[in-house]
Amino acid sequence: MDPKNSPEDLLDFPCQYTFKAIGASGDTFSGQITAAVRCHALTPADAVHIRPSGKGNYQSVSITVMLDNYQQLQDIYAGMKNIPGLKMLL
């Protein structure tokens, strides 16, 4: 078995991929994360899951989409990195 040398080789495209972002609570953050993903991939309404933190200060936004290539993955992460209130991307 050949070792995987580049990040592109770790996924077999097309594939389902879940993006998870953690940031400030509120509709603005979740809406911006969803918009960043929708710019590059079809995102059905039932693909978006929002979960508040225990104290309600933060929220996690998980979005599962079908990716066609590695560039699409990079573009989505690049778009999400610029969103105000973002604390972590998984």
PDB file of N, CA and C in Angstrom:
ATOM      1  N   MET A   1       0.842  -1.171   0.000  1.00  0.00           N
ATOM      2  CA  MET A   1       0.000   0.000   0.000  1.00  0.00           C
ATOM      3  C   MET A   1       0.892   1.241   0.000  1.00  0.00           C
ATOM      4  N   ASP A   2       0.585   2.176  -0.876  1.00  0.00           N
ATOM      5  CA  ASP A   2       1.358   3.410  -0.979  1.00  0.00           C
ATOM      6  C   ASP A   2       0.975   4.384   0.120  1.00  0.00           C
ATOM      7  N   PRO A   3       1.965   5.048   0.709  1.00  0.00           N
ATOM      8  CA  PRO A   3       1.624   6.083   1.688  1.00  0.00           C
ATOM      9  C   PRO A   3       1.030   7.292   0.989  1.00  0.00           C
ATOM     10  N   LYS A   4       0.124   7.948   1.647  1.00  0.00           N
ATOM     11  CA  LYS A   4      -0.491   9.161   1.103  1.00  0.00           C
ATOM     12  C   LYS A   4       0.461  10.323   1.370  1.00  0.00           C
ATOM     13  N   ASN A   5       0.872  11.021   0.290  1.00  0.00           N
ATOM     14  CA  ASN A   5       1.872  12.062   0.426  1.00  0.00           C
ATOM     15  C   ASN A   5       1.310  13.470   0.501  1.00  0.00           C
ATOM     16  N   SER A   6       0.169  13.710  -0.102  1.00  0.00           N
ATOM     17  CA  SER A   6      -0.372  15.059  -0.101  1.00  0.00           C
ATOM     18  C   SER A   6      -1.781  15.051   0.502  1.00  0.00           C
ATOM     19  N   PRO A   7      -2.216  16.213   0.987  1.00  0.00           N
ATOM     20  CA  PRO A   7      -3.561  16.279   1.581  1.00  0.00           C
ATOM     21  C   PRO A   7      -4.663  15.866   0.606  1.00  0.00           C
ATOM     22  N   GLU A   8      -4.458  16.138  -0.680  1.00  0.00           N
ATOM     23  CA  GLU A   8      -5.471  15.791  -1.690  1.00  0.00           C
ATOM     24  C   GLU A   8      -5.702  14.288  -1.772  1.00  0.00           C
ATOM     25  N   ASP A   9      -4.670  13.515  -1.452  1.00  0.00           N
ATOM     26  CA  ASP A   9      -4.768  12.064  -1.558  1.00  0.00           C
ATOM     27  C   ASP A   9      -5.515  11.421  -0.394  1.00  0.00           C
ATOM     28  N   LEU A  10      -5.821  12.196   0.625  1.00  0.00           N
ATOM     29  CA  LEU A  10      -6.483  11.632   1.801  1.00  0.00           C
ATOM     30  C   LEU A  10      -7.974  11.407   1.601  1.00  0.00           C
ATOM     31  N   LEU A  11      -8.561  12.072   0.626  1.00  0.00           N
ATOM     32  CA  LEU A  11      -9.990  11.924   0.336  1.00  0.00           C
ATOM     33  C   LEU A  11     -10.176  11.429  -1.094  1.00  0.00           C
ATOM     34  N   ASP A  12     -11.186  10.612  -1.290  1.00  0.00           N
ATOM     35  CA  ASP A  12     -11.551  10.156  -2.629  1.00  0.00           C
ATOM     36  C   ASP A  12     -12.756  10.959  -3.079  1.00  0.00           C
ATOM     37  N   PHE A  13     -12.573  11.783  -4.101  1.00  0.00           N
ATOM     38  CA  PHE A  13     -13.638  12.649  -4.599  1.00  0.00           C
ATOM     39  C   PHE A  13     -14.389  11.969  -5.721  1.00  0.00           C
ATOM     40  N   PRO A  14     -15.689  12.225  -5.826  1.00  0.00           N
ATOM     41  CA  PRO A  14     -16.559  13.018  -4.952  1.00  0.00           C
ATOM     42  C   PRO A  14     -16.794  12.300  -3.628  1.00  0.00           C
ATOM     43  N   CYS A  15     -17.034  13.086  -2.584  1.00  0.00           N
ATOM     44  CA  CYS A  15     -17.278  12.513  -1.258  1.00  0.00           C
ATOM     45  C   CYS A  15     -18.127  13.459  -0.419  1.00  0.00           C
ATOM     46  N   GLN A  16     -18.755  12.890   0.594  1.00  0.00           N
ATOM     47  CA  GLN A  16     -19.465  13.715   1.571  1.00  0.00           C
ATOM     48  C   GLN A  16     -18.448  14.199   2.588  1.00  0.00           C
ATOM     49  N   TYR A  17     -18.582  15.461   2.989  1.00  0.00           N
ATOM     50  CA  TYR A  17     -17.640  16.049   3.927  1.00  0.00           C
ATOM     51  C   TYR A  17     -18.417  16.944   4.885  1.00  0.00           C
ATOM     52  N   THR A  18     -18.080  16.889   6.157  1.00  0.00           N
ATOM     53  CA  THR A  18     -18.741  17.720   7.149  1.00  0.00           C
ATOM     54  C   THR A  18     -17.791  18.811   7.620  1.00  0.00           C
ATOM     55  N   PHE A  19     -18.213  20.047   7.443  1.00  0.00           N
ATOM     56  CA  PHE A  19     -17.489  21.208   7.942  1.00  0.00           C
ATOM     57  C   PHE A  19     -18.085  21.547   9.300  1.00  0.00           C
ATOM     58  N   LYS A  20     -17.224  21.880  10.255  1.00  0.00           N
ATOM     59  CA  LYS A  20     -17.716  22.258  11.574  1.00  0.00           C
ATOM     60  C   LYS A  20     -16.994  23.522  11.994  1.00  0.00           C
ATOM     61  N   ALA A  21     -17.762  24.534  12.339  1.00  0.00           N
ATOM     62  CA  ALA A  21     -17.212  25.813  12.779  1.00  0.00           C
ATOM     63  C   ALA A  21     -17.786  26.138  14.151  1.00  0.00           C
ATOM     64  N   ILE A  22     -16.941  26.670  15.011  1.00  0.00           N
ATOM     65  CA  ILE A  22     -17.364  27.074  16.343  1.00  0.00           C
ATOM     66  C   ILE A  22     -17.111  28.568  16.468  1.00  0.00           C
ATOM     67  N   GLY A  23     -18.140  29.272  16.930  1.00  0.00           N
ATOM     68  CA  GLY A  23     -18.007  30.720  17.038  1.00  0.00           C
ATOM     69  C   GLY A  23     -19.070  31.326  17.921  1.00  0.00           C
ATOM     70  N   ALA A  24     -19.159  32.634  17.838  1.00  0.00           N
ATOM     71  CA  ALA A  24     -20.092  33.403  18.657  1.00  0.00           C
ATOM     72  C   ALA A  24     -21.528  32.968  18.394  1.00  0.00           C
ATOM     73  N   SER A  25     -22.337  32.988  19.440  1.00  0.00           N
ATOM     74  CA  SER A  25     -23.743  32.616  19.271  1.00  0.00           C
ATOM     75  C   SER A  25     -24.479  33.722  18.521  1.00  0.00           C
ATOM     76  N   GLY A  26     -25.562  33.352  17.879  1.00  0.00           N
ATOM     77  CA  GLY A  26     -26.375  34.311  17.135  1.00  0.00           C
ATOM     78  C   GLY A  26     -26.545  33.908  15.686  1.00  0.00           C
ATOM     79  N   ASP A  27     -27.583  34.468  15.086  1.00  0.00           N
ATOM     80  CA  ASP A  27     -27.908  34.124  13.699  1.00  0.00           C
ATOM     81  C   ASP A  27     -26.865  34.623  12.707  1.00  0.00           C
ATOM     82  N   THR A  28     -26.176  35.692  13.040  1.00  0.00           N
ATOM     83  CA  THR A  28     -25.202  36.252  12.108  1.00  0.00           C
ATOM     84  C   THR A  28     -24.090  35.253  11.812  1.00  0.00           C
ATOM     85  N   PHE A  29     -23.515  34.657  12.854  1.00  0.00           N
ATOM     86  CA  PHE A  29     -22.415  33.719  12.670  1.00  0.00           C
ATOM     87  C   PHE A  29     -22.858  32.504  11.875  1.00  0.00           C
ATOM     88  N   SER A  30     -23.947  31.870  12.278  1.00  0.00           N
ATOM     89  CA  SER A  30     -24.397  30.663  11.582  1.00  0.00           C
ATOM     90  C   SER A  30     -24.788  30.975  10.138  1.00  0.00           C
ATOM     91  N   GLY A  31     -25.380  32.133   9.901  1.00  0.00           N
ATOM     92  CA  GLY A  31     -25.744  32.523   8.543  1.00  0.00           C
ATOM     93  C   GLY A  31     -24.532  32.750   7.663  1.00  0.00           C
ATOM     94  N   GLN A  32     -23.483  33.346   8.225  1.00  0.00           N
ATOM     95  CA  GLN A  32     -22.272  33.596   7.452  1.00  0.00           C
ATOM     96  C   GLN A  32     -21.531  32.300   7.142  1.00  0.00           C
ATOM     97  N   ILE A  33     -21.506  31.379   8.085  1.00  0.00           N
ATOM     98  CA  ILE A  33     -20.869  30.075   7.840  1.00  0.00           C
ATOM     99  C   ILE A  33     -21.623  29.335   6.738  1.00  0.00           C
ATOM    100  N   THR A  34     -22.936  29.324   6.829  1.00  0.00           N
ATOM    101  CA  THR A  34     -23.756  28.653   5.822  1.00  0.00           C
ATOM    102  C   THR A  34     -23.546  29.289   4.451  1.00  0.00           C
ATOM    103  N   ALA A  35     -23.494  30.601   4.395  1.00  0.00           N
ATOM    104  CA  ALA A  35     -23.280  31.305   3.125  1.00  0.00           C
ATOM    105  C   ALA A  35     -21.916  30.981   2.535  1.00  0.00           C
ATOM    106  N   ALA A  36     -20.893  30.876   3.379  1.00  0.00           N
ATOM    107  CA  ALA A  36     -19.550  30.551   2.890  1.00  0.00           C
ATOM    108  C   ALA A  36     -19.520  29.176   2.237  1.00  0.00           C
ATOM    109  N   VAL A  37     -20.259  28.238   2.791  1.00  0.00           N
ATOM    110  CA  VAL A  37     -20.313  26.896   2.208  1.00  0.00           C
ATOM    111  C   VAL A  37     -21.159  26.910   0.940  1.00  0.00           C
ATOM    112  N   ARG A  38     -22.293  27.606   0.977  1.00  0.00           N
ATOM    113  CA  ARG A  38     -23.200  27.635  -0.179  1.00  0.00           C
ATOM    114  C   ARG A  38     -22.594  28.313  -1.398  1.00  0.00           C
ATOM    115  N   CYS A  39     -21.578  29.130  -1.206  1.00  0.00           N
ATOM    116  CA  CYS A  39     -20.892  29.753  -2.358  1.00  0.00           C
ATOM    117  C   CYS A  39     -20.201  28.721  -3.225  1.00  0.00           C
ATOM    118  N   HIS A  40     -19.869  27.571  -2.638  1.00  0.00           N
ATOM    119  CA  HIS A  40     -19.051  26.593  -3.356  1.00  0.00           C
ATOM    120  C   HIS A  40     -19.664  25.206  -3.463  1.00  0.00           C
ATOM    121  N   ALA A  41     -20.763  24.945  -2.736  1.00  0.00           N
ATOM    122  CA  ALA A  41     -21.360  23.606  -2.764  1.00  0.00           C
ATOM    123  C   ALA A  41     -22.862  23.699  -2.525  1.00  0.00           C
ATOM    124  N   LEU A  42     -23.586  22.777  -3.125  1.00  0.00           N
ATOM    125  CA  LEU A  42     -25.021  22.688  -2.871  1.00  0.00           C
ATOM    126  C   LEU A  42     -25.229  22.290  -1.413  1.00  0.00           C
ATOM    127  N   THR A  43     -26.088  23.036  -0.733  1.00  0.00           N
ATOM    128  CA  THR A  43     -26.287  22.814   0.698  1.00  0.00           C
ATOM    129  C   THR A  43     -27.780  22.722   0.998  1.00  0.00           C
ATOM    130  N   PRO A  44     -28.313  21.511   1.082  1.00  0.00           N
ATOM    131  CA  PRO A  44     -29.719  21.380   1.444  1.00  0.00           C
ATOM    132  C   PRO A  44     -29.976  21.923   2.849  1.00  0.00           C
ATOM    133  N   ALA A  45     -31.181  22.374   3.096  1.00  0.00           N
ATOM    134  CA  ALA A  45     -31.533  22.957   4.396  1.00  0.00           C
ATOM    135  C   ALA A  45     -31.302  21.969   5.543  1.00  0.00           C
ATOM    136  N   ASP A  46     -31.549  20.680   5.298  1.00  0.00           N
ATOM    137  CA  ASP A  46     -31.380  19.690   6.367  1.00  0.00           C
ATOM    138  C   ASP A  46     -29.920  19.302   6.595  1.00  0.00           C
ATOM    139  N   ALA A  47     -28.990  19.881   5.830  1.00  0.00           N
ATOM    140  CA  ALA A  47     -27.559  19.599   5.994  1.00  0.00           C
ATOM    141  C   ALA A  47     -26.912  20.487   7.043  1.00  0.00           C
ATOM    142  N   VAL A  48     -27.634  21.508   7.507  1.00  0.00           N
ATOM    143  CA  VAL A  48     -27.089  22.474   8.464  1.00  0.00           C
ATOM    144  C   VAL A  48     -27.615  22.149   9.859  1.00  0.00           C
ATOM    145  N   HIS A  49     -26.681  21.963  10.802  1.00  0.00           N
ATOM    146  CA  HIS A  49     -27.043  21.668  12.188  1.00  0.00           C
ATOM    147  C   HIS A  49     -26.339  22.671  13.097  1.00  0.00           C
ATOM    148  N   ILE A  50     -27.125  23.335  13.933  1.00  0.00           N
ATOM    149  CA  ILE A  50     -26.599  24.347  14.838  1.00  0.00           C
ATOM    150  C   ILE A  50     -26.848  23.888  16.268  1.00  0.00           C
ATOM    151  N   ARG A  51     -25.787  23.953  17.075  1.00  0.00           N
ATOM    152  CA  ARG A  51     -25.898  23.505  18.465  1.00  0.00           C
ATOM    153  C   ARG A  51     -25.259  24.549  19.384  1.00  0.00           C
ATOM    154  N   PRO A  52     -26.027  25.084  20.324  1.00  0.00           N
ATOM    155  CA  PRO A  52     -25.473  26.087  21.243  1.00  0.00           C
ATOM    156  C   PRO A  52     -24.596  25.427  22.314  1.00  0.00           C
ATOM    157  N   SER A  53     -23.662  26.200  22.850  1.00  0.00           N
ATOM    158  CA  SER A  53     -22.837  25.718  23.958  1.00  0.00           C
ATOM    159  C   SER A  53     -23.677  25.682  25.230  1.00  0.00           C
ATOM    160  N   GLY A  54     -23.140  25.084  26.267  1.00  0.00           N
ATOM    161  CA  GLY A  54     -23.863  24.946  27.529  1.00  0.00           C
ATOM    162  C   GLY A  54     -24.311  26.272  28.120  1.00  0.00           C
ATOM    163  N   LYS A  55     -23.458  27.280  28.055  1.00  0.00           N
ATOM    164  CA  LYS A  55     -23.807  28.590  28.613  1.00  0.00           C
ATOM    165  C   LYS A  55     -24.424  29.520  27.577  1.00  0.00           C
ATOM    166  N   GLY A  56     -24.453  29.088  26.323  1.00  0.00           N
ATOM    167  CA  GLY A  56     -25.080  29.887  25.284  1.00  0.00           C
ATOM    168  C   GLY A  56     -24.214  30.987  24.697  1.00  0.00           C
ATOM    169  N   ASN A  57     -22.939  31.027  25.053  1.00  0.00           N
ATOM    170  CA  ASN A  57     -22.052  32.063  24.513  1.00  0.00           C
ATOM    171  C   ASN A  57     -21.535  31.729  23.119  1.00  0.00           C
ATOM    172  N   TYR A  58     -21.478  30.448  22.807  1.00  0.00           N
ATOM    173  CA  TYR A  58     -20.935  29.986  21.534  1.00  0.00           C
ATOM    174  C   TYR A  58     -21.915  29.019  20.884  1.00  0.00           C
ATOM    175  N   GLN A  59     -21.628  28.700  19.633  1.00  0.00           N
ATOM    176  CA  GLN A  59     -22.418  27.695  18.931  1.00  0.00           C
ATOM    177  C   GLN A  59     -21.524  26.950  17.963  1.00  0.00           C
ATOM    178  N   SER A  60     -21.898  25.718  17.676  1.00  0.00           N
ATOM    179  CA  SER A  60     -21.209  24.978  16.630  1.00  0.00           C
ATOM    180  C   SER A  60     -22.163  24.846  15.449  1.00  0.00           C
ATOM    181  N   VAL A  61     -21.612  25.025  14.266  1.00  0.00           N
ATOM    182  CA  VAL A  61     -22.385  24.909  13.037  1.00  0.00           C
ATOM    183  C   VAL A  61     -21.747  23.794  12.231  1.00  0.00           C
ATOM    184  N   SER A  62     -22.491  22.721  11.992  1.00  0.00           N
ATOM    185  CA  SER A  62     -22.010  21.594  11.195  1.00  0.00           C
ATOM    186  C   SER A  62     -22.800  21.547   9.899  1.00  0.00           C
ATOM    187  N   ILE A  63     -22.078  21.421   8.789  1.00  0.00           N
ATOM    188  CA  ILE A  63     -22.720  21.378   7.474  1.00  0.00           C
ATOM    189  C   ILE A  63     -22.102  20.240   6.672  1.00  0.00           C
ATOM    190  N   THR A  64     -22.938  19.312   6.250  1.00  0.00           N
ATOM    191  CA  THR A  64     -22.469  18.182   5.448  1.00  0.00           C
ATOM    192  C   THR A  64     -22.860  18.413   3.996  1.00  0.00           C
ATOM    193  N   VAL A  65     -21.855  18.361   3.117  1.00  0.00           N
ATOM    194  CA  VAL A  65     -22.075  18.594   1.687  1.00  0.00           C
ATOM    195  C   VAL A  65     -21.330  17.551   0.869  1.00  0.00           C
ATOM    196  N   MET A  66     -21.646  17.498  -0.401  1.00  0.00           N
ATOM    197  CA  MET A  66     -20.934  16.639  -1.346  1.00  0.00           C
ATOM    198  C   MET A  66     -19.871  17.492  -2.027  1.00  0.00           C
ATOM    199  N   LEU A  67     -18.622  17.076  -1.910  1.00  0.00           N
ATOM    200  CA  LEU A  67     -17.518  17.793  -2.545  1.00  0.00           C
ATOM    201  C   LEU A  67     -17.078  17.053  -3.791  1.00  0.00           C
ATOM    202  N   ASP A  68     -16.762  17.821  -4.826  1.00  0.00           N
ATOM    203  CA  ASP A  68     -16.324  17.236  -6.086  1.00  0.00           C
ATOM    204  C   ASP A  68     -14.811  17.184  -6.231  1.00  0.00           C
ATOM    205  N   ASN A  69     -14.103  18.097  -5.534  1.00  0.00           N
ATOM    206  CA  ASN A  69     -12.648  18.134  -5.672  1.00  0.00           C
ATOM    207  C   ASN A  69     -12.012  18.840  -4.477  1.00  0.00           C
ATOM    208  N   TYR A  70     -10.693  18.750  -4.406  1.00  0.00           N
ATOM    209  CA  TYR A  70      -9.946  19.318  -3.279  1.00  0.00           C
ATOM    210  C   TYR A  70      -9.982  20.842  -3.288  1.00  0.00           C
ATOM    211  N   GLN A  71     -10.008  21.447  -4.460  1.00  0.00           N
ATOM    212  CA  GLN A  71     -10.049  22.905  -4.549  1.00  0.00           C
ATOM    213  C   GLN A  71     -11.324  23.446  -3.910  1.00  0.00           C
ATOM    214  N   GLN A  72     -12.410  22.762  -4.073  1.00  0.00           N
ATOM    215  CA  GLN A  72     -13.681  23.148  -3.464  1.00  0.00           C
ATOM    216  C   GLN A  72     -13.552  23.146  -1.932  1.00  0.00           C
ATOM    217  N   LEU A  73     -12.906  22.138  -1.389  1.00  0.00           N
ATOM    218  CA  LEU A  73     -12.662  22.058   0.049  1.00  0.00           C
ATOM    219  C   LEU A  73     -11.839  23.252   0.531  1.00  0.00           C
ATOM    220  N   GLN A  74     -10.772  23.562  -0.171  1.00  0.00           N
ATOM    221  CA  GLN A  74      -9.915  24.689   0.187  1.00  0.00           C
ATOM    222  C   GLN A  74     -10.660  26.017   0.104  1.00  0.00           C
ATOM    223  N   ASP A  75     -11.470  26.191  -0.920  1.00  0.00           N
ATOM    224  CA  ASP A  75     -12.215  27.437  -1.098  1.00  0.00           C
ATOM    225  C   ASP A  75     -13.214  27.664   0.038  1.00  0.00           C
ATOM    226  N   ILE A  76     -13.862  26.607   0.475  1.00  0.00           N
ATOM    227  CA  ILE A  76     -14.833  26.731   1.564  1.00  0.00           C
ATOM    228  C   ILE A  76     -14.128  27.104   2.863  1.00  0.00           C
ATOM    229  N   TYR A  77     -13.035  26.416   3.176  1.00  0.00           N
ATOM    230  CA  TYR A  77     -12.288  26.755   4.396  1.00  0.00           C
ATOM    231  C   TYR A  77     -11.748  28.177   4.331  1.00  0.00           C
ATOM    232  N   ALA A  78     -11.259  28.605   3.180  1.00  0.00           N
ATOM    233  CA  ALA A  78     -10.749  29.974   3.038  1.00  0.00           C
ATOM    234  C   ALA A  78     -11.847  30.998   3.301  1.00  0.00           C
ATOM    235  N   GLY A  79     -13.056  30.740   2.807  1.00  0.00           N
ATOM    236  CA  GLY A  79     -14.180  31.641   3.030  1.00  0.00           C
ATOM    237  C   GLY A  79     -14.593  31.698   4.494  1.00  0.00           C
ATOM    238  N   MET A  80     -14.552  30.565   5.165  1.00  0.00           N
ATOM    239  CA  MET A  80     -14.968  30.530   6.568  1.00  0.00           C
ATOM    240  C   MET A  80     -13.935  31.191   7.484  1.00  0.00           C
ATOM    241  N   LYS A  81     -12.676  31.165   7.133  1.00  0.00           N
ATOM    242  CA  LYS A  81     -11.619  31.734   7.981  1.00  0.00           C
ATOM    243  C   LYS A  81     -11.764  33.240   8.174  1.00  0.00           C
ATOM    244  N   ASN A  82     -12.457  33.914   7.279  1.00  0.00           N
ATOM    245  CA  ASN A  82     -12.617  35.365   7.341  1.00  0.00           C
ATOM    246  C   ASN A  82     -13.855  35.832   8.084  1.00  0.00           C
ATOM    247  N   ILE A  83     -14.606  34.927   8.660  1.00  0.00           N
ATOM    248  CA  ILE A  83     -15.869  35.277   9.302  1.00  0.00           C
ATOM    249  C   ILE A  83     -15.629  35.779  10.729  1.00  0.00           C
ATOM    250  N   PRO A  84     -16.144  36.962  11.059  1.00  0.00           N
ATOM    251  CA  PRO A  84     -15.985  37.506  12.417  1.00  0.00           C
ATOM    252  C   PRO A  84     -16.648  36.589  13.449  1.00  0.00           C
ATOM    253  N   GLY A  85     -16.013  36.448  14.593  1.00  0.00           N
ATOM    254  CA  GLY A  85     -16.566  35.627  15.666  1.00  0.00           C
ATOM    255  C   GLY A  85     -16.142  34.176  15.602  1.00  0.00           C
ATOM    256  N   LEU A  86     -15.428  33.783  14.537  1.00  0.00           N
ATOM    257  CA  LEU A  86     -14.969  32.395  14.405  1.00  0.00           C
ATOM    258  C   LEU A  86     -13.919  32.094  15.465  1.00  0.00           C
ATOM    259  N   LYS A  87     -14.086  30.996  16.178  1.00  0.00           N
ATOM    260  CA  LYS A  87     -13.122  30.571  17.191  1.00  0.00           C
ATOM    261  C   LYS A  87     -12.326  29.354  16.731  1.00  0.00           C
ATOM    262  N   MET A  88     -12.990  28.439  16.002  1.00  0.00           N
ATOM    263  CA  MET A  88     -12.318  27.204  15.619  1.00  0.00           C
ATOM    264  C   MET A  88     -12.989  26.576  14.404  1.00  0.00           C
ATOM    265  N   LEU A  89     -12.181  25.982  13.532  1.00  0.00           N
ATOM    266  CA  LEU A  89     -12.673  25.197  12.404  1.00  0.00           C
ATOM    267  C   LEU A  89     -12.201  23.767  12.570  1.00  0.00           C
ATOM    268  N   LEU A  90     -13.082  22.828  12.333  1.00  0.00           N
ATOM    269  CA  LEU A  90     -12.726  21.411  12.391  1.00  0.00           C
ATOM    270  C   LEU A  90     -12.970  20.786  11.038  1.00  0.00           C
TER     271      LEU A  90
END
